[in-house]
Amino acid sequence: MSDQAHLATIDVTTLGANVQQIVAHLCTSDCHAYGSVLQWCETRGDCCYAVVCPSCRTQFLIEEEDLAELERWTEANGHALVCGVTL
């Protein structure tokens, strides 16, 4: 089964738009990879997060809630599809 067909069997409509875009890029594009998560935090505790595709270096800026959702999705589905984010 192709990655596109396999991803179609997993309901991604419950995911936020940003997370859907990242999952589509990492799991169905030619890159097909586990993205790296980068985190920048200020001393007052404000943090910014980015997911970086290791193949093409595309970067996705996301909120902490999106990162948590993406990590949950990867834990539940990423191993079967061999894609998602590194935890």
C-alpha atoms as a PDB file:
ATOM      1  CA  MET A   1       0.000   0.000   0.000  1.00  0.00           C
ATOM      2  CA  SER A   2       1.395   3.434  -0.890  1.00  0.00           C
ATOM      3  CA  ASP A   3       2.027   6.008   1.817  1.00  0.00           C
ATOM      4  CA  GLN A   4      -0.730   8.215   0.390  1.00  0.00           C
ATOM      5  CA  ALA A   5      -3.216   5.338   0.508  1.00  0.00           C
ATOM      6  CA  HIS A   6      -2.074   4.303   3.986  1.00  0.00           C
ATOM      7  CA  LEU A   7      -2.427   7.881   5.267  1.00  0.00           C
ATOM      8  CA  ALA A   8      -5.922   7.983   3.771  1.00  0.00           C
ATOM      9  CA  THR A   9      -6.934   5.161   6.136  1.00  0.00           C
ATOM     10  CA  ILE A  10      -5.996   7.326   9.140  1.00  0.00           C
ATOM     11  CA  ASP A  11      -8.402  10.130  10.063  1.00  0.00           C
ATOM     12  CA  VAL A  12      -6.399  13.356   9.936  1.00  0.00           C
ATOM     13  CA  THR A  13      -9.483  15.597   9.734  1.00  0.00           C
ATOM     14  CA  THR A  14      -9.549  15.812  13.525  1.00  0.00           C
ATOM     15  CA  LEU A  15      -6.099  17.425  13.461  1.00  0.00           C
ATOM     16  CA  GLY A  16      -5.580  21.170  13.313  1.00  0.00           C
ATOM     17  CA  ALA A  17      -4.778  22.717   9.941  1.00  0.00           C
ATOM     18  CA  ASN A  18      -1.098  23.289  10.804  1.00  0.00           C
ATOM     19  CA  VAL A  19      -0.663  19.702  11.971  1.00  0.00           C
ATOM     20  CA  GLN A  20      -2.426  18.355   8.857  1.00  0.00           C
ATOM     21  CA  GLN A  21      -0.020  20.343   6.673  1.00  0.00           C
ATOM     22  CA  ILE A  22       3.026  18.973   8.515  1.00  0.00           C
ATOM     23  CA  VAL A  23       1.748  15.387   8.434  1.00  0.00           C
ATOM     24  CA  ALA A  24       1.011  15.677   4.710  1.00  0.00           C
ATOM     25  CA  HIS A  25       4.509  16.996   4.020  1.00  0.00           C
ATOM     26  CA  LEU A  26       6.372  14.478   6.169  1.00  0.00           C
ATOM     27  CA  CYS A  27       4.254  11.445   5.302  1.00  0.00           C
ATOM     28  CA  THR A  28       3.151  11.812   1.673  1.00  0.00           C
ATOM     29  CA  SER A  29       5.715  13.986  -0.088  1.00  0.00           C
ATOM     30  CA  ASP A  30       8.947  12.809  -1.664  1.00  0.00           C
ATOM     31  CA  CYS A  31      10.700  13.780   1.573  1.00  0.00           C
ATOM     32  CA  HIS A  32       8.955  11.098   3.690  1.00  0.00           C
ATOM     33  CA  ALA A  33      10.767  11.561   6.987  1.00  0.00           C
ATOM     34  CA  TYR A  34      10.696  12.272  10.694  1.00  0.00           C
ATOM     35  CA  GLY A  35      10.943  16.029  11.183  1.00  0.00           C
ATOM     36  CA  SER A  36      13.140  17.602  13.818  1.00  0.00           C
ATOM     37  CA  VAL A  37      11.588  19.848  16.448  1.00  0.00           C
ATOM     38  CA  LEU A  38      13.396  23.071  17.306  1.00  0.00           C
ATOM     39  CA  GLN A  39      12.503  25.109  20.367  1.00  0.00           C
ATOM     40  CA  TRP A  40      13.410  28.688  21.248  1.00  0.00           C
ATOM     41  CA  CYS A  41      12.479  29.976  24.701  1.00  0.00           C
ATOM     42  CA  GLU A  42      12.839  33.376  26.301  1.00  0.00           C
ATOM     43  CA  THR A  43      13.719  33.751  29.963  1.00  0.00           C
ATOM     44  CA  ARG A  44      10.124  34.646  30.809  1.00  0.00           C
ATOM     45  CA  GLY A  45       8.995  31.242  29.522  1.00  0.00           C
ATOM     46  CA  ASP A  46       7.606  32.196  26.115  1.00  0.00           C
ATOM     47  CA  CYS A  47       8.607  29.531  23.610  1.00  0.00           C
ATOM     48  CA  CYS A  48       8.435  29.180  19.833  1.00  0.00           C
ATOM     49  CA  TYR A  49       8.549  25.835  18.053  1.00  0.00           C
ATOM     50  CA  ALA A  50       9.433  24.777  14.540  1.00  0.00           C
ATOM     51  CA  VAL A  51       9.356  21.454  12.737  1.00  0.00           C
ATOM     52  CA  VAL A  52      12.106  21.099  10.133  1.00  0.00           C
ATOM     53  CA  CYS A  53      12.021  18.536   7.345  1.00  0.00           C
ATOM     54  CA  PRO A  54      15.461  16.882   7.215  1.00  0.00           C
ATOM     55  CA  SER A  55      15.202  16.203   3.480  1.00  0.00           C
ATOM     56  CA  CYS A  56      14.274  19.591   2.020  1.00  0.00           C
ATOM     57  CA  ARG A  57      14.746  21.837   5.087  1.00  0.00           C
ATOM     58  CA  THR A  58      11.151  23.138   4.905  1.00  0.00           C
ATOM     59  CA  GLN A  59      10.266  24.767   8.226  1.00  0.00           C
ATOM     60  CA  PHE A  60       6.868  24.906   9.897  1.00  0.00           C
ATOM     61  CA  LEU A  61       6.353  27.327  12.800  1.00  0.00           C
ATOM     62  CA  ILE A  62       3.814  25.947  15.249  1.00  0.00           C
ATOM     63  CA  GLU A  63       2.284  26.700  18.634  1.00  0.00           C
ATOM     64  CA  GLU A  64       2.858  24.535  21.694  1.00  0.00           C
ATOM     65  CA  GLU A  65      -0.649  23.041  21.377  1.00  0.00           C
ATOM     66  CA  ASP A  66       0.048  22.031  17.767  1.00  0.00           C
ATOM     67  CA  LEU A  67       3.328  20.443  18.816  1.00  0.00           C
ATOM     68  CA  ALA A  68       1.569  18.396  21.498  1.00  0.00           C
ATOM     69  CA  GLU A  69      -1.033  17.289  18.933  1.00  0.00           C
ATOM     70  CA  LEU A  70       1.678  16.368  16.422  1.00  0.00           C
ATOM     71  CA  GLU A  71       3.581  14.378  19.057  1.00  0.00           C
ATOM     72  CA  ARG A  72       0.380  12.467  19.974  1.00  0.00           C
ATOM     73  CA  TRP A  73      -0.305  11.761  16.287  1.00  0.00           C
ATOM     74  CA  THR A  74       3.254  10.519  15.760  1.00  0.00           C
ATOM     75  CA  GLU A  75       3.037   8.247  18.794  1.00  0.00           C
ATOM     76  CA  ALA A  76      -0.274   6.784  17.581  1.00  0.00           C
ATOM     77  CA  ASN A  77       0.361   6.589  13.813  1.00  0.00           C
ATOM     78  CA  GLY A  78       3.887   7.607  12.895  1.00  0.00           C
ATOM     79  CA  HIS A  79       5.523   4.277  13.590  1.00  0.00           C
ATOM     80  CA  ALA A  80       3.262   2.486  11.113  1.00  0.00           C
ATOM     81  CA  LEU A  81       3.843   5.156   8.446  1.00  0.00           C
ATOM     82  CA  VAL A  82       7.508   5.774   9.344  1.00  0.00           C
ATOM     83  CA  CYS A  83       7.011   9.536   9.510  1.00  0.00           C
ATOM     84  CA  GLY A  84       6.078  12.300  11.906  1.00  0.00           C
ATOM     85  CA  VAL A  85       8.328  14.097  14.390  1.00  0.00           C
ATOM     86  CA  THR A  86      11.130  12.824  16.545  1.00  0.00           C
ATOM     87  CA  LEU A  87      10.083  12.829  20.152  1.00  0.00           C
END
